Amino acid sequence: MRKLLLLAMITFCSITHAEILADINFYESLRMVQKRYPNARFENVNAAWLKPEERFIKISGAGLGKVIRVKFDDLRSIKKNVLLKDFEQFSEASKETIIKINRLPESDVLAVKWVRVTYDAVIPLSRFNLKYGKSICGNNQDMERECVWPKYALSAQVTDDDKSVLFLTSVFTASEQDSGIRSMFEFYQGQDNIFSLSKTIEDQVAGLKTWQAAISAFLAKVITDVDYRKDAGKMADLDRFVTIVANKPENANRSMEWFLQESHKLVLQTHGIK
């Protein structure tokens, strides 16, 4: 569901740039991250919410001043679907590319999905507000205090008094996700565009149509609160809030309506609309 929502953000109008935490970008491989932090400790974390095709890795070490946690997707899960479903219809060159990817070590096929940073020292929320602008704070669905900077696709879990940051999480905008996916596929397949024709992508497109229909129905439903189709600024806010909410692992199984409704609430709160 979350992968579909990340693709679906392309249907909204805003294009922004996320805050890149720890210099780690969307869909970089684990090997690239390891090269960036050659003396750090990399530990697998078996989080309860992880799916078989996902990894959650903790990065720590002397001199970092923080602990970095990164959620990775295993690209072999996508390639396996292509291999089993459509392998025989591909050219020989394409078959060789797919086989090669499936044989690569894990460090080359784990791709960054989002990044979370916990600093060693307590940092006041006010310091981040000076850098990113005033944050929007409230309780999340787990009744934890959370502040967001939609323009930067950045969120922070904070103390109950909204004074100190516990950790920061950076997700990535739709354009950055799309760029990262394309770069990763191009790296592995060279000039071969076989993956753009794969059943995996076809399924995403079909899902995107369902999502677009859900968006249209929702925009009509809340038109008395906000007419998003006539207000590009608030539509951009809705876009960013859905991106942030969709990237939270605990929201992986939420419905389309829920994502839109929760993001709409944040838009109303941002603009002081009752």
C-alpha atoms as a PDB file:
ATOM      1  CA  MET A   1       0.000   0.000   0.000  1.00  0.00           C
ATOM      2  CA  ARG A   2       2.754   2.459   0.931  1.00  0.00           C
ATOM      3  CA  LYS A   3       4.655   1.811  -2.333  1.00  0.00           C
ATOM      4  CA  LEU A   4       1.511   2.641  -4.264  1.00  0.00           C
ATOM      5  CA  LEU A   5       1.075   5.875  -2.335  1.00  0.00           C
ATOM      6  CA  LEU A   6       4.642   6.923  -3.018  1.00  0.00           C
ATOM      7  CA  LEU A   7       4.097   6.442  -6.741  1.00  0.00           C
ATOM      8  CA  ALA A   8       0.720   8.162  -6.548  1.00  0.00           C
ATOM      9  CA  MET A   9       2.198  11.377  -5.190  1.00  0.00           C
ATOM     10  CA  ILE A  10       3.190  12.167  -8.781  1.00  0.00           C
ATOM     11  CA  THR A  11      -0.497  12.898  -9.394  1.00  0.00           C
ATOM     12  CA  PHE A  12      -0.386  15.881  -7.027  1.00  0.00           C
ATOM     13  CA  CYS A  13       0.966  19.239  -8.108  1.00  0.00           C
ATOM     14  CA  SER A  14       3.861  20.145  -5.815  1.00  0.00           C
ATOM     15  CA  ILE A  15       7.515  19.323  -6.356  1.00  0.00           C
ATOM     16  CA  THR A  16       9.755  19.899  -3.352  1.00  0.00           C
ATOM     17  CA  HIS A  17      13.112  18.707  -2.086  1.00  0.00           C
ATOM     18  CA  ALA A  18      13.382  16.591   1.024  1.00  0.00           C
ATOM     19  CA  GLU A  19      15.907  17.192   3.753  1.00  0.00           C
ATOM     20  CA  ILE A  20      18.677  14.643   3.238  1.00  0.00           C
ATOM     21  CA  LEU A  21      19.663  13.296   6.654  1.00  0.00           C
ATOM     22  CA  ALA A  22      23.158  11.871   7.173  1.00  0.00           C
ATOM     23  CA  ASP A  23      23.866  12.455   3.465  1.00  0.00           C
ATOM     24  CA  ILE A  24      21.891   9.318   2.560  1.00  0.00           C
ATOM     25  CA  ASN A  25      19.677   9.514  -0.529  1.00  0.00           C
ATOM     26  CA  PHE A  26      16.660   7.569  -1.749  1.00  0.00           C
ATOM     27  CA  TYR A  27      17.421   4.166  -3.318  1.00  0.00           C
ATOM     28  CA  GLU A  28      21.142   4.311  -2.637  1.00  0.00           C
ATOM     29  CA  SER A  29      22.478   0.806  -2.088  1.00  0.00           C
ATOM     30  CA  LEU A  30      23.676  -0.457   1.269  1.00  0.00           C
ATOM     31  CA  ARG A  31      27.150  -0.734  -0.251  1.00  0.00           C
ATOM     32  CA  MET A  32      27.120   3.004  -1.069  1.00  0.00           C
ATOM     33  CA  VAL A  33      26.080   3.847   2.489  1.00  0.00           C
ATOM     34  CA  GLN A  34      28.811   1.573   3.871  1.00  0.00           C
ATOM     35  CA  LYS A  35      31.409   3.392   1.763  1.00  0.00           C
ATOM     36  CA  ARG A  36      30.196   6.703   3.170  1.00  0.00           C
ATOM     37  CA  TYR A  37      30.653   5.410   6.739  1.00  0.00           C
ATOM     38  CA  PRO A  38      33.583   2.971   6.425  1.00  0.00           C
ATOM     39  CA  ASN A  39      34.335   2.740  10.161  1.00  0.00           C
ATOM     40  CA  ALA A  40      30.763   2.605  11.435  1.00  0.00           C
ATOM     41  CA  ARG A  41      28.956  -0.412  12.884  1.00  0.00           C
ATOM     42  CA  PHE A  42      26.063  -1.718  10.768  1.00  0.00           C
ATOM     43  CA  GLU A  43      23.554  -3.825  12.715  1.00  0.00           C
ATOM     44  CA  ASN A  44      20.396  -5.523  11.464  1.00  0.00           C
ATOM     45  CA  VAL A  45      17.354  -4.620  13.569  1.00  0.00           C
ATOM     46  CA  ASN A  46      14.519  -7.172  13.501  1.00  0.00           C
ATOM     47  CA  ALA A  47      11.699  -4.672  13.907  1.00  0.00           C
ATOM     48  CA  ALA A  48       8.273  -6.248  14.404  1.00  0.00           C
ATOM     49  CA  TRP A  49       6.803  -4.389  11.408  1.00  0.00           C
ATOM     50  CA  LEU A  50       9.421  -5.535   8.873  1.00  0.00           C
ATOM     51  CA  LYS A  51       8.249  -7.500   5.835  1.00  0.00           C
ATOM     52  CA  PRO A  52      10.389 -10.287   4.311  1.00  0.00           C
ATOM     53  CA  GLU A  53      11.576  -7.972   1.507  1.00  0.00           C
ATOM     54  CA  GLU A  54      12.625  -5.186   3.905  1.00  0.00           C
ATOM     55  CA  ARG A  55      15.650  -4.526   6.123  1.00  0.00           C
ATOM     56  CA  PHE A  56      16.081  -2.080   9.000  1.00  0.00           C
ATOM     57  CA  ILE A  57      19.726  -1.262   9.758  1.00  0.00           C
ATOM     58  CA  LYS A  58      21.232   0.701  12.643  1.00  0.00           C
ATOM     59  CA  ILE A  59      24.425   2.669  11.922  1.00  0.00           C
ATOM     60  CA  SER A  60      26.558   3.881  14.820  1.00  0.00           C
ATOM     61  CA  GLY A  61      30.154   4.607  15.687  1.00  0.00           C
ATOM     62  CA  ALA A  62      32.692   6.927  17.277  1.00  0.00           C
ATOM     63  CA  GLY A  63      32.568  10.512  16.080  1.00  0.00           C
ATOM     64  CA  LEU A  64      29.132  10.329  14.458  1.00  0.00           C
ATOM     65  CA  GLY A  65      27.355  12.194  17.231  1.00  0.00           C
ATOM     66  CA  LYS A  66      24.184  10.335  16.331  1.00  0.00           C
ATOM     67  CA  VAL A  67      22.651   6.974  15.587  1.00  0.00           C
ATOM     68  CA  ILE A  68      21.299   6.481  12.065  1.00  0.00           C
ATOM     69  CA  ARG A  69      18.553   3.997  11.264  1.00  0.00           C
ATOM     70  CA  VAL A  70      17.745   3.228   7.649  1.00  0.00           C
ATOM     71  CA  LYS A  71      14.889   1.245   6.182  1.00  0.00           C
ATOM     72  CA  PHE A  72      15.897  -0.609   3.004  1.00  0.00           C
ATOM     73  CA  ASP A  73      13.898  -2.422   0.322  1.00  0.00           C
ATOM     74  CA  ASP A  74      15.364  -5.624  -1.155  1.00  0.00           C
ATOM     75  CA  LEU A  75      15.198  -5.118  -4.930  1.00  0.00           C
ATOM     76  CA  ARG A  76      15.482  -8.845  -5.520  1.00  0.00           C
ATOM     77  CA  SER A  77      11.837  -9.173  -4.498  1.00  0.00           C
ATOM     78  CA  ILE A  78      10.847  -7.067  -7.512  1.00  0.00           C
ATOM     79  CA  LYS A  79      13.174  -8.936  -9.847  1.00  0.00           C
ATOM     80  CA  LYS A  80      11.922 -12.316  -8.640  1.00  0.00           C
ATOM     81  CA  ASN A  81       8.370 -11.371  -9.617  1.00  0.00           C
ATOM     82  CA  VAL A  82       9.565 -10.431 -13.081  1.00  0.00           C
ATOM     83  CA  LEU A  83      11.717 -13.555 -13.370  1.00  0.00           C
ATOM     84  CA  LEU A  84       8.911 -15.958 -12.453  1.00  0.00           C
ATOM     85  CA  LYS A  85       6.080 -14.255 -14.301  1.00  0.00           C
ATOM     86  CA  ASP A  86       7.471 -12.931 -17.572  1.00  0.00           C
ATOM     87  CA  PHE A  87      10.988 -14.305 -17.952  1.00  0.00           C
ATOM     88  CA  GLU A  88      10.486 -16.277 -21.174  1.00  0.00           C
ATOM     89  CA  GLN A  89       9.168 -13.327 -23.174  1.00  0.00           C
ATOM     90  CA  PHE A  90      12.318 -11.265 -22.625  1.00  0.00           C
ATOM     91  CA  SER A  91      15.301 -10.992 -24.943  1.00  0.00           C
ATOM     92  CA  GLU A  92      18.461 -12.949 -24.132  1.00  0.00           C
ATOM     93  CA  ALA A  93      20.175  -9.735 -23.027  1.00  0.00           C
ATOM     94  CA  SER A  94      17.288  -8.964 -20.697  1.00  0.00           C
ATOM     95  CA  LYS A  95      17.364 -12.457 -19.236  1.00  0.00           C
ATOM     96  CA  GLU A  96      21.059 -12.074 -18.518  1.00  0.00           C
ATOM     97  CA  THR A  97      20.423  -8.731 -16.781  1.00  0.00           C
ATOM     98  CA  ILE A  98      17.704 -10.193 -14.560  1.00  0.00           C
ATOM     99  CA  ILE A  99      19.802 -13.223 -13.636  1.00  0.00           C
ATOM    100  CA  LYS A 100      22.761 -10.978 -12.845  1.00  0.00           C
ATOM    101  CA  ILE A 101      20.724  -8.828 -10.473  1.00  0.00           C
ATOM    102  CA  ASN A 102      19.382 -11.854  -8.633  1.00  0.00           C
ATOM    103  CA  ARG A 103      22.934 -13.107  -8.128  1.00  0.00           C
ATOM    104  CA  LEU A 104      24.258  -9.844  -6.680  1.00  0.00           C
ATOM    105  CA  PRO A 105      25.191  -9.727  -2.985  1.00  0.00           C
ATOM    106  CA  GLU A 106      22.688  -8.243  -0.582  1.00  0.00           C
ATOM    107  CA  SER A 107      24.688  -5.039  -0.117  1.00  0.00           C
ATOM    108  CA  ASP A 108      24.124  -4.194  -3.802  1.00  0.00           C
ATOM    109  CA  VAL A 109      20.366  -4.829  -3.886  1.00  0.00           C
ATOM    110  CA  LEU A 110      19.244  -3.263  -0.612  1.00  0.00           C
ATOM    111  CA  ALA A 111      17.967   0.221  -1.491  1.00  0.00           C
ATOM    112  CA  VAL A 112      17.308   3.106   0.907  1.00  0.00           C
ATOM    113  CA  LYS A 113      13.621   3.872   1.550  1.00  0.00           C
ATOM    114  CA  TRP A 114      13.788   6.321   4.472  1.00  0.00           C
ATOM    115  CA  VAL A 115      16.268   7.595   7.056  1.00  0.00           C
ATOM    116  CA  ARG A 116      15.903   8.253  10.804  1.00  0.00           C
ATOM    117  CA  VAL A 117      18.451  10.039  13.008  1.00  0.00           C
ATOM    118  CA  THR A 118      18.701  10.113  16.815  1.00  0.00           C
ATOM    119  CA  TYR A 119      21.280  12.629  18.047  1.00  0.00           C
ATOM    120  CA  ASP A 120      23.509  11.904  21.044  1.00  0.00           C
ATOM    121  CA  ALA A 121      22.841  15.352  22.511  1.00  0.00           C
ATOM    122  CA  VAL A 122      19.401  16.764  23.268  1.00  0.00           C
ATOM    123  CA  ILE A 123      18.558  19.339  20.584  1.00  0.00           C
ATOM    124  CA  PRO A 124      15.805  21.926  21.145  1.00  0.00           C
ATOM    125  CA  LEU A 125      12.960  21.931  18.642  1.00  0.00           C
ATOM    126  CA  SER A 126      13.448  25.683  18.326  1.00  0.00           C
ATOM    127  CA  ARG A 127      16.800  25.087  16.642  1.00  0.00           C
ATOM    128  CA  PHE A 128      15.170  23.062  13.877  1.00  0.00           C
ATOM    129  CA  ASN A 129      12.433  25.671  13.542  1.00  0.00           C
ATOM    130  CA  LEU A 130      15.100  28.294  12.874  1.00  0.00           C
ATOM    131  CA  LYS A 131      16.476  26.153  10.049  1.00  0.00           C
ATOM    132  CA  TYR A 132      13.283  24.806   8.468  1.00  0.00           C
ATOM    133  CA  GLY A 133      10.618  27.277   9.572  1.00  0.00           C
ATOM    134  CA  LYS A 134       7.848  26.803  12.111  1.00  0.00           C
ATOM    135  CA  SER A 135       6.822  23.182  12.450  1.00  0.00           C
ATOM    136  CA  ILE A 136       3.295  21.816  12.731  1.00  0.00           C
ATOM    137  CA  CYS A 137       2.914  19.794  15.919  1.00  0.00           C
ATOM    138  CA  GLY A 138       0.237  17.430  17.190  1.00  0.00           C
ATOM    139  CA  ASN A 139      -0.443  13.893  18.391  1.00  0.00           C
ATOM    140  CA  ASN A 140      -0.016  11.087  15.896  1.00  0.00           C
ATOM    141  CA  GLN A 141      -2.246   7.998  15.783  1.00  0.00           C
ATOM    142  CA  ASP A 142      -0.230   6.451  18.625  1.00  0.00           C
ATOM    143  CA  MET A 143      -0.773   9.593  20.746  1.00  0.00           C
ATOM    144  CA  GLU A 144       2.932  10.501  20.501  1.00  0.00           C
ATOM    145  CA  ARG A 145       3.928  14.122  19.986  1.00  0.00           C
ATOM    146  CA  GLU A 146       5.139  14.751  16.473  1.00  0.00           C
ATOM    147  CA  CYS A 147       6.158  17.858  14.528  1.00  0.00           C
ATOM    148  CA  VAL A 148       6.441  18.072  10.750  1.00  0.00           C
ATOM    149  CA  TRP A 149       7.978  20.348   8.141  1.00  0.00           C
ATOM    150  CA  PRO A 150       6.008  19.379   5.023  1.00  0.00           C
ATOM    151  CA  LYS A 151       8.166  21.418   2.633  1.00  0.00           C
ATOM    152  CA  TYR A 152      11.170  19.276   3.541  1.00  0.00           C
ATOM    153  CA  ALA A 153       9.380  15.903   3.925  1.00  0.00           C
ATOM    154  CA  LEU A 154      10.774  15.901   7.450  1.00  0.00           C
ATOM    155  CA  SER A 155       9.168  14.884  10.742  1.00  0.00           C
ATOM    156  CA  ALA A 156      10.323  14.771  14.356  1.00  0.00           C
ATOM    157  CA  GLN A 157       9.111  12.888  17.380  1.00  0.00           C
ATOM    158  CA  VAL A 158       9.352  15.308  20.280  1.00  0.00           C
ATOM    159  CA  THR A 159       8.898  15.462  24.039  1.00  0.00           C
ATOM    160  CA  ASP A 160       5.419  16.108  25.444  1.00  0.00           C
ATOM    161  CA  ASP A 161       6.230  19.774  26.036  1.00  0.00           C
ATOM    162  CA  ASP A 162       7.231  20.241  22.362  1.00  0.00           C
ATOM    163  CA  LYS A 163      10.647  21.528  23.425  1.00  0.00           C
ATOM    164  CA  SER A 164      13.119  18.767  22.553  1.00  0.00           C
ATOM    165  CA  VAL A 165      13.554  16.458  19.561  1.00  0.00           C
ATOM    166  CA  LEU A 166      13.779  12.715  20.229  1.00  0.00           C
ATOM    167  CA  PHE A 167      14.515  11.736  16.625  1.00  0.00           C
ATOM    168  CA  LEU A 168      14.118  12.980  13.059  1.00  0.00           C
ATOM    169  CA  THR A 169      12.781  11.015  10.091  1.00  0.00           C
ATOM    170  CA  SER A 170      13.347  12.050   6.489  1.00  0.00           C
ATOM    171  CA  VAL A 171      11.201  10.619   3.740  1.00  0.00           C
ATOM    172  CA  PHE A 172      11.531  11.581   0.100  1.00  0.00           C
ATOM    173  CA  THR A 173       9.316  13.524  -2.272  1.00  0.00           C
ATOM    174  CA  ALA A 174       7.634  11.809  -5.220  1.00  0.00           C
ATOM    175  CA  SER A 175      10.062  13.331  -7.721  1.00  0.00           C
ATOM    176  CA  GLU A 176      13.070  12.164  -5.692  1.00  0.00           C
ATOM    177  CA  GLN A 177      11.614   8.687  -5.327  1.00  0.00           C
ATOM    178  CA  ASP A 178      10.954   8.482  -9.055  1.00  0.00           C
ATOM    179  CA  SER A 179      14.465   9.729  -9.847  1.00  0.00           C
ATOM    180  CA  GLY A 180      16.041   7.260  -7.411  1.00  0.00           C
ATOM    181  CA  ILE A 181      14.137   4.291  -8.833  1.00  0.00           C
ATOM    182  CA  ARG A 182      15.042   5.211 -12.404  1.00  0.00           C
ATOM    183  CA  SER A 183      18.712   5.691 -11.515  1.00  0.00           C
ATOM    184  CA  MET A 184      18.860   2.332  -9.754  1.00  0.00           C
ATOM    185  CA  PHE A 185      17.222   0.447 -12.611  1.00  0.00           C
ATOM    186  CA  GLU A 186      19.377   2.190 -15.226  1.00  0.00           C
ATOM    187  CA  PHE A 187      22.498   1.285 -13.255  1.00  0.00           C
ATOM    188  CA  TYR A 188      21.647  -2.420 -13.385  1.00  0.00           C
ATOM    189  CA  GLN A 189      20.127  -2.687 -16.827  1.00  0.00           C
ATOM    190  CA  GLY A 190      22.205  -0.246 -18.883  1.00  0.00           C
ATOM    191  CA  GLN A 191      20.236   0.730 -21.949  1.00  0.00           C
ATOM    192  CA  ASP A 192      17.716  -2.099 -21.514  1.00  0.00           C
ATOM    193  CA  ASN A 193      14.247  -0.770 -20.611  1.00  0.00           C
ATOM    194  CA  ILE A 194      12.761  -4.161 -19.832  1.00  0.00           C
ATOM    195  CA  PHE A 195      11.700  -3.281 -16.284  1.00  0.00           C
ATOM    196  CA  SER A 196       9.482  -0.436 -17.457  1.00  0.00           C
ATOM    197  CA  LEU A 197       7.452  -3.094 -19.283  1.00  0.00           C
ATOM    198  CA  SER A 198       7.341  -5.541 -16.418  1.00  0.00           C
ATOM    199  CA  LYS A 199       4.208  -6.855 -14.779  1.00  0.00           C
ATOM    200  CA  THR A 200       5.308  -5.205 -11.560  1.00  0.00           C
ATOM    201  CA  ILE A 201       5.010  -1.754 -13.118  1.00  0.00           C
ATOM    202  CA  GLU A 202       1.754  -2.665 -14.833  1.00  0.00           C
ATOM    203  CA  ASP A 203       0.312  -3.602 -11.445  1.00  0.00           C
ATOM    204  CA  GLN A 204       1.438  -0.265  -9.999  1.00  0.00           C
ATOM    205  CA  VAL A 205      -0.242   1.609 -12.840  1.00  0.00           C
ATOM    206  CA  ALA A 206      -3.485  -0.279 -12.244  1.00  0.00           C
ATOM    207  CA  GLY A 207      -3.227   0.523  -8.561  1.00  0.00           C
ATOM    208  CA  LEU A 208      -2.523   4.156  -9.366  1.00  0.00           C
ATOM    209  CA  LYS A 209      -5.819   4.407 -11.250  1.00  0.00           C
ATOM    210  CA  THR A 210      -7.623   3.157  -8.149  1.00  0.00           C
ATOM    211  CA  TRP A 211      -5.763   5.712  -6.038  1.00  0.00           C
ATOM    212  CA  GLN A 212      -6.635   8.525  -8.459  1.00  0.00           C
ATOM    213  CA  ALA A 213     -10.295   7.563  -8.210  1.00  0.00           C
ATOM    214  CA  ALA A 214     -10.038   7.647  -4.402  1.00  0.00           C
ATOM    215  CA  ILE A 215      -8.466  11.113  -4.576  1.00  0.00           C
ATOM    216  CA  SER A 216     -11.241  12.453  -6.782  1.00  0.00           C
ATOM    217  CA  ALA A 217     -13.941  11.088  -4.468  1.00  0.00           C
ATOM    218  CA  PHE A 218     -12.193  12.498  -1.403  1.00  0.00           C
ATOM    219  CA  LEU A 219     -11.697  15.967  -2.886  1.00  0.00           C
ATOM    220  CA  ALA A 220     -15.410  16.101  -3.651  1.00  0.00           C
ATOM    221  CA  LYS A 221     -16.253  14.947  -0.123  1.00  0.00           C
ATOM    222  CA  VAL A 222     -14.247  17.683   1.659  1.00  0.00           C
ATOM    223  CA  ILE A 223     -14.970  20.533  -0.769  1.00  0.00           C
ATOM    224  CA  THR A 224     -16.929  22.406   1.927  1.00  0.00           C
ATOM    225  CA  ASP A 225     -13.737  22.484   4.036  1.00  0.00           C
ATOM    226  CA  VAL A 226     -11.213  23.106   1.270  1.00  0.00           C
ATOM    227  CA  ASP A 227     -11.635  23.231  -2.490  1.00  0.00           C
ATOM    228  CA  TYR A 228      -8.263  21.689  -3.243  1.00  0.00           C
ATOM    229  CA  ARG A 229      -8.692  21.847  -7.007  1.00  0.00           C
ATOM    230  CA  LYS A 230      -8.858  25.648  -6.806  1.00  0.00           C
ATOM    231  CA  ASP A 231      -6.201  26.097  -4.118  1.00  0.00           C
ATOM    232  CA  ALA A 232      -2.758  24.996  -5.316  1.00  0.00           C
ATOM    233  CA  GLY A 233      -1.115  25.893  -2.006  1.00  0.00           C
ATOM    234  CA  LYS A 234      -3.340  23.651   0.098  1.00  0.00           C
ATOM    235  CA  MET A 235      -3.131  20.891  -2.531  1.00  0.00           C
ATOM    236  CA  ALA A 236       0.652  21.072  -2.206  1.00  0.00           C
ATOM    237  CA  ASP A 237       0.299  20.759   1.571  1.00  0.00           C
ATOM    238  CA  LEU A 238      -1.973  17.730   1.174  1.00  0.00           C
ATOM    239  CA  ASP A 239       0.602  16.167  -1.157  1.00  0.00           C
ATOM    240  CA  ARG A 240       3.435  16.589   1.338  1.00  0.00           C
ATOM    241  CA  PHE A 241       1.403  15.385   4.304  1.00  0.00           C
ATOM    242  CA  VAL A 242       0.327  12.201   2.481  1.00  0.00           C
ATOM    243  CA  THR A 243       3.975  11.539   1.603  1.00  0.00           C
ATOM    244  CA  ILE A 244       5.009  11.881   5.248  1.00  0.00           C
ATOM    245  CA  VAL A 245       2.134   9.816   6.643  1.00  0.00           C
ATOM    246  CA  ALA A 246       2.530   7.099   3.989  1.00  0.00           C
ATOM    247  CA  ASN A 247       6.204   6.566   4.790  1.00  0.00           C
ATOM    248  CA  LYS A 248       5.577   5.676   8.428  1.00  0.00           C
ATOM    249  CA  PRO A 249       6.019   1.894   8.748  1.00  0.00           C
ATOM    250  CA  GLU A 250       3.212   1.611  11.296  1.00  0.00           C
ATOM    251  CA  ASN A 251       0.800   2.922   8.624  1.00  0.00           C
ATOM    252  CA  ALA A 252       1.648   0.255   6.039  1.00  0.00           C
ATOM    253  CA  ASN A 253      -1.791  -1.388   6.123  1.00  0.00           C
ATOM    254  CA  ARG A 254      -3.953   1.729   6.341  1.00  0.00           C
ATOM    255  CA  SER A 255      -6.654   2.389   3.749  1.00  0.00           C
ATOM    256  CA  MET A 256      -6.484   5.043   1.039  1.00  0.00           C
ATOM    257  CA  GLU A 257      -9.310   6.953   2.716  1.00  0.00           C
ATOM    258  CA  TRP A 258      -7.426   6.976   6.020  1.00  0.00           C
ATOM    259  CA  PHE A 259      -4.259   8.455   4.474  1.00  0.00           C
ATOM    260  CA  LEU A 260      -6.236  11.212   2.817  1.00  0.00           C
ATOM    261  CA  GLN A 261      -8.334  11.973   5.899  1.00  0.00           C
ATOM    262  CA  GLU A 262      -5.323  12.168   8.228  1.00  0.00           C
ATOM    263  CA  SER A 263      -3.459  14.410   5.786  1.00  0.00           C
ATOM    264  CA  HIS A 264      -6.550  16.597   5.378  1.00  0.00           C
ATOM    265  CA  LYS A 265      -6.691  17.082   9.153  1.00  0.00           C
ATOM    266  CA  LEU A 266      -3.106  18.338   9.083  1.00  0.00           C
ATOM    267  CA  VAL A 267      -3.950  20.779   6.288  1.00  0.00           C
ATOM    268  CA  LEU A 268      -6.871  22.159   8.311  1.00  0.00           C
ATOM    269  CA  GLN A 269      -4.626  22.477  11.375  1.00  0.00           C
ATOM    270  CA  THR A 270      -1.883  24.199   9.351  1.00  0.00           C
ATOM    271  CA  HIS A 271      -4.233  26.848   8.006  1.00  0.00           C
ATOM    272  CA  GLY A 272      -6.315  27.258  11.150  1.00  0.00           C
ATOM    273  CA  ILE A 273      -9.494  25.985   9.502  1.00  0.00           C
ATOM    274  CA  LYS A 274     -12.107  24.688  11.926  1.00  0.00           C
END
